[in-house]
């Protein structure tokens, strides 16, 4: 049996982060988390947004966000930015541009 060690290709060390002014917020990018949020991205109802936040932000990170007293529009911008960060910019329901060569 052939075994290929891919350990060096994986990042176990740190989670991605977003920065708002002087505040750095860690985002949970675990595969299990992304699989939980993907089905909720299409509807984005208030309860979906709340659930997504509970998956992608630890409670301490949510406290940092809530302490900023953001408008709803800015809050959604934070959530969308975090989702784009952990999904490498791909979100469900976005139109894809195809290049013909």
C-alpha atoms as a PDB file:
ATOM      1  CA  UNK A   1       0.000   0.000   0.000  1.00  0.00           C
ATOM      2  CA  UNK A   2       1.330   3.417  -0.970  1.00  0.00           C
ATOM      3  CA  UNK A   3       1.052   6.185   1.636  1.00  0.00           C
ATOM      4  CA  UNK A   4       1.474   9.849   0.767  1.00  0.00           C
ATOM      5  CA  UNK A   5       2.082  12.224   3.663  1.00  0.00           C
ATOM      6  CA  UNK A   6       0.275  15.528   2.954  1.00  0.00           C
ATOM      7  CA  UNK A   7       0.768  16.977   6.442  1.00  0.00           C
ATOM      8  CA  UNK A   8       2.916  19.836   5.164  1.00  0.00           C
ATOM      9  CA  UNK A   9       0.127  20.930   2.806  1.00  0.00           C
ATOM     10  CA  UNK A  10      -2.335  21.398   5.683  1.00  0.00           C
ATOM     11  CA  UNK A  11      -2.637  24.354   8.041  1.00  0.00           C
ATOM     12  CA  UNK A  12      -3.232  23.236  11.601  1.00  0.00           C
ATOM     13  CA  UNK A  13      -1.687  26.313  13.149  1.00  0.00           C
ATOM     14  CA  UNK A  14      -4.069  29.213  12.849  1.00  0.00           C
ATOM     15  CA  UNK A  15      -7.534  30.254  11.823  1.00  0.00           C
ATOM     16  CA  UNK A  16      -8.162  33.062   9.334  1.00  0.00           C
ATOM     17  CA  UNK A  17      -8.992  36.481  10.745  1.00  0.00           C
ATOM     18  CA  UNK A  18     -10.764  39.632   9.683  1.00  0.00           C
ATOM     19  CA  UNK A  19      -9.882  43.062  10.999  1.00  0.00           C
ATOM     20  CA  UNK A  20     -12.241  45.939  11.754  1.00  0.00           C
ATOM     21  CA  UNK A  21     -10.328  49.033  12.847  1.00  0.00           C
ATOM     22  CA  UNK A  22      -8.132  47.806  15.721  1.00  0.00           C
ATOM     23  CA  UNK A  23     -10.167  44.658  16.392  1.00  0.00           C
ATOM     24  CA  UNK A  24      -9.093  41.300  14.967  1.00  0.00           C
ATOM     25  CA  UNK A  25     -11.770  38.616  14.786  1.00  0.00           C
ATOM     26  CA  UNK A  26     -10.977  34.938  14.313  1.00  0.00           C
ATOM     27  CA  UNK A  27     -13.183  32.964  11.932  1.00  0.00           C
ATOM     28  CA  UNK A  28     -13.834  29.219  12.244  1.00  0.00           C
ATOM     29  CA  UNK A  29     -12.852  27.637   8.923  1.00  0.00           C
ATOM     30  CA  UNK A  30     -13.249  23.971   9.836  1.00  0.00           C
ATOM     31  CA  UNK A  31     -14.740  21.871   7.059  1.00  0.00           C
ATOM     32  CA  UNK A  32     -17.585  20.719   9.321  1.00  0.00           C
ATOM     33  CA  UNK A  33     -18.486  24.362   9.961  1.00  0.00           C
ATOM     34  CA  UNK A  34     -18.542  25.247   6.281  1.00  0.00           C
ATOM     35  CA  UNK A  35     -20.717  22.228   5.521  1.00  0.00           C
ATOM     36  CA  UNK A  36     -23.194  23.439   8.168  1.00  0.00           C
ATOM     37  CA  UNK A  37     -23.437  26.970   6.793  1.00  0.00           C
ATOM     38  CA  UNK A  38     -23.556  26.275   3.052  1.00  0.00           C
ATOM     39  CA  UNK A  39     -27.239  25.221   2.976  1.00  0.00           C
ATOM     40  CA  UNK A  40     -28.194  28.344   4.939  1.00  0.00           C
ATOM     41  CA  UNK A  41     -26.501  30.804   2.592  1.00  0.00           C
ATOM     42  CA  UNK A  42     -29.239  30.767  -0.013  1.00  0.00           C
ATOM     43  CA  UNK A  43     -32.074  31.927   2.235  1.00  0.00           C
ATOM     44  CA  UNK A  44     -30.206  34.175   4.685  1.00  0.00           C
ATOM     45  CA  UNK A  45     -33.260  34.639   6.915  1.00  0.00           C
ATOM     46  CA  UNK A  46     -32.593  36.280  10.295  1.00  0.00           C
ATOM     47  CA  UNK A  47     -32.482  32.892  12.019  1.00  0.00           C
ATOM     48  CA  UNK A  48     -30.028  31.659   9.385  1.00  0.00           C
ATOM     49  CA  UNK A  49     -27.749  34.644   9.955  1.00  0.00           C
ATOM     50  CA  UNK A  50     -27.805  34.004  13.699  1.00  0.00           C
ATOM     51  CA  UNK A  51     -27.006  30.307  13.195  1.00  0.00           C
ATOM     52  CA  UNK A  52     -24.233  31.061  10.718  1.00  0.00           C
ATOM     53  CA  UNK A  53     -22.650  33.466  13.207  1.00  0.00           C
ATOM     54  CA  UNK A  54     -22.787  30.850  15.950  1.00  0.00           C
ATOM     55  CA  UNK A  55     -20.922  28.445  13.659  1.00  0.00           C
ATOM     56  CA  UNK A  56     -18.269  30.783  12.265  1.00  0.00           C
ATOM     57  CA  UNK A  57     -17.531  32.892  15.362  1.00  0.00           C
ATOM     58  CA  UNK A  58     -16.647  31.713  18.846  1.00  0.00           C
ATOM     59  CA  UNK A  59     -18.707  33.442  21.581  1.00  0.00           C
ATOM     60  CA  UNK A  60     -15.746  35.654  22.502  1.00  0.00           C
ATOM     61  CA  UNK A  61     -15.441  36.785  18.873  1.00  0.00           C
ATOM     62  CA  UNK A  62     -19.187  37.519  18.693  1.00  0.00           C
ATOM     63  CA  UNK A  63     -18.798  39.650  21.824  1.00  0.00           C
ATOM     64  CA  UNK A  64     -16.148  41.709  20.035  1.00  0.00           C
ATOM     65  CA  UNK A  65     -18.479  42.218  17.067  1.00  0.00           C
ATOM     66  CA  UNK A  66     -21.471  43.078  19.253  1.00  0.00           C
ATOM     67  CA  UNK A  67     -19.387  45.570  21.242  1.00  0.00           C
ATOM     68  CA  UNK A  68     -18.944  47.580  18.024  1.00  0.00           C
ATOM     69  CA  UNK A  69     -22.695  48.351  17.906  1.00  0.00           C
ATOM     70  CA  UNK A  70     -22.761  47.943  14.119  1.00  0.00           C
ATOM     71  CA  UNK A  71     -25.726  48.792  11.952  1.00  0.00           C
ATOM     72  CA  UNK A  72     -27.520  45.806  10.436  1.00  0.00           C
ATOM     73  CA  UNK A  73     -25.965  46.562   7.043  1.00  0.00           C
ATOM     74  CA  UNK A  74     -22.461  46.654   8.541  1.00  0.00           C
ATOM     75  CA  UNK A  75     -23.133  43.476  10.539  1.00  0.00           C
ATOM     76  CA  UNK A  76     -24.131  41.680   7.333  1.00  0.00           C
ATOM     77  CA  UNK A  77     -20.946  42.986   5.680  1.00  0.00           C
ATOM     78  CA  UNK A  78     -18.896  41.432   8.499  1.00  0.00           C
ATOM     79  CA  UNK A  79     -20.723  38.104   8.179  1.00  0.00           C
ATOM     80  CA  UNK A  80     -20.419  38.032   4.374  1.00  0.00           C
ATOM     81  CA  UNK A  81     -16.731  38.933   4.570  1.00  0.00           C
ATOM     82  CA  UNK A  82     -16.101  36.116   7.036  1.00  0.00           C
ATOM     83  CA  UNK A  83     -17.980  33.660   4.819  1.00  0.00           C
ATOM     84  CA  UNK A  84     -16.016  34.729   1.744  1.00  0.00           C
ATOM     85  CA  UNK A  85     -12.789  34.346   3.701  1.00  0.00           C
ATOM     86  CA  UNK A  86     -13.479  30.764   4.765  1.00  0.00           C
ATOM     87  CA  UNK A  87     -14.993  29.651   1.459  1.00  0.00           C
ATOM     88  CA  UNK A  88     -12.198  31.186  -0.609  1.00  0.00           C
ATOM     89  CA  UNK A  89     -14.622  33.732  -2.013  1.00  0.00           C
ATOM     90  CA  UNK A  90     -17.139  31.165  -3.229  1.00  0.00           C
ATOM     91  CA  UNK A  91     -20.651  31.500  -1.882  1.00  0.00           C
ATOM     92  CA  UNK A  92     -23.724  29.525  -2.763  1.00  0.00           C
ATOM     93  CA  UNK A  93     -26.070  31.264  -5.161  1.00  0.00           C
ATOM     94  CA  UNK A  94     -23.490  33.587  -6.713  1.00  0.00           C
ATOM     95  CA  UNK A  95     -23.334  33.675 -10.463  1.00  0.00           C
ATOM     96  CA  UNK A  96     -20.060  32.327 -11.772  1.00  0.00           C
ATOM     97  CA  UNK A  97     -18.288  34.043 -14.642  1.00  0.00           C
ATOM     98  CA  UNK A  98     -16.861  31.603 -17.126  1.00  0.00           C
ATOM     99  CA  UNK A  99     -13.944  32.500 -19.345  1.00  0.00           C
ATOM    100  CA  UNK A 100     -13.827  31.062 -22.817  1.00  0.00           C
ATOM    101  CA  UNK A 101     -10.395  30.394 -24.227  1.00  0.00           C
END
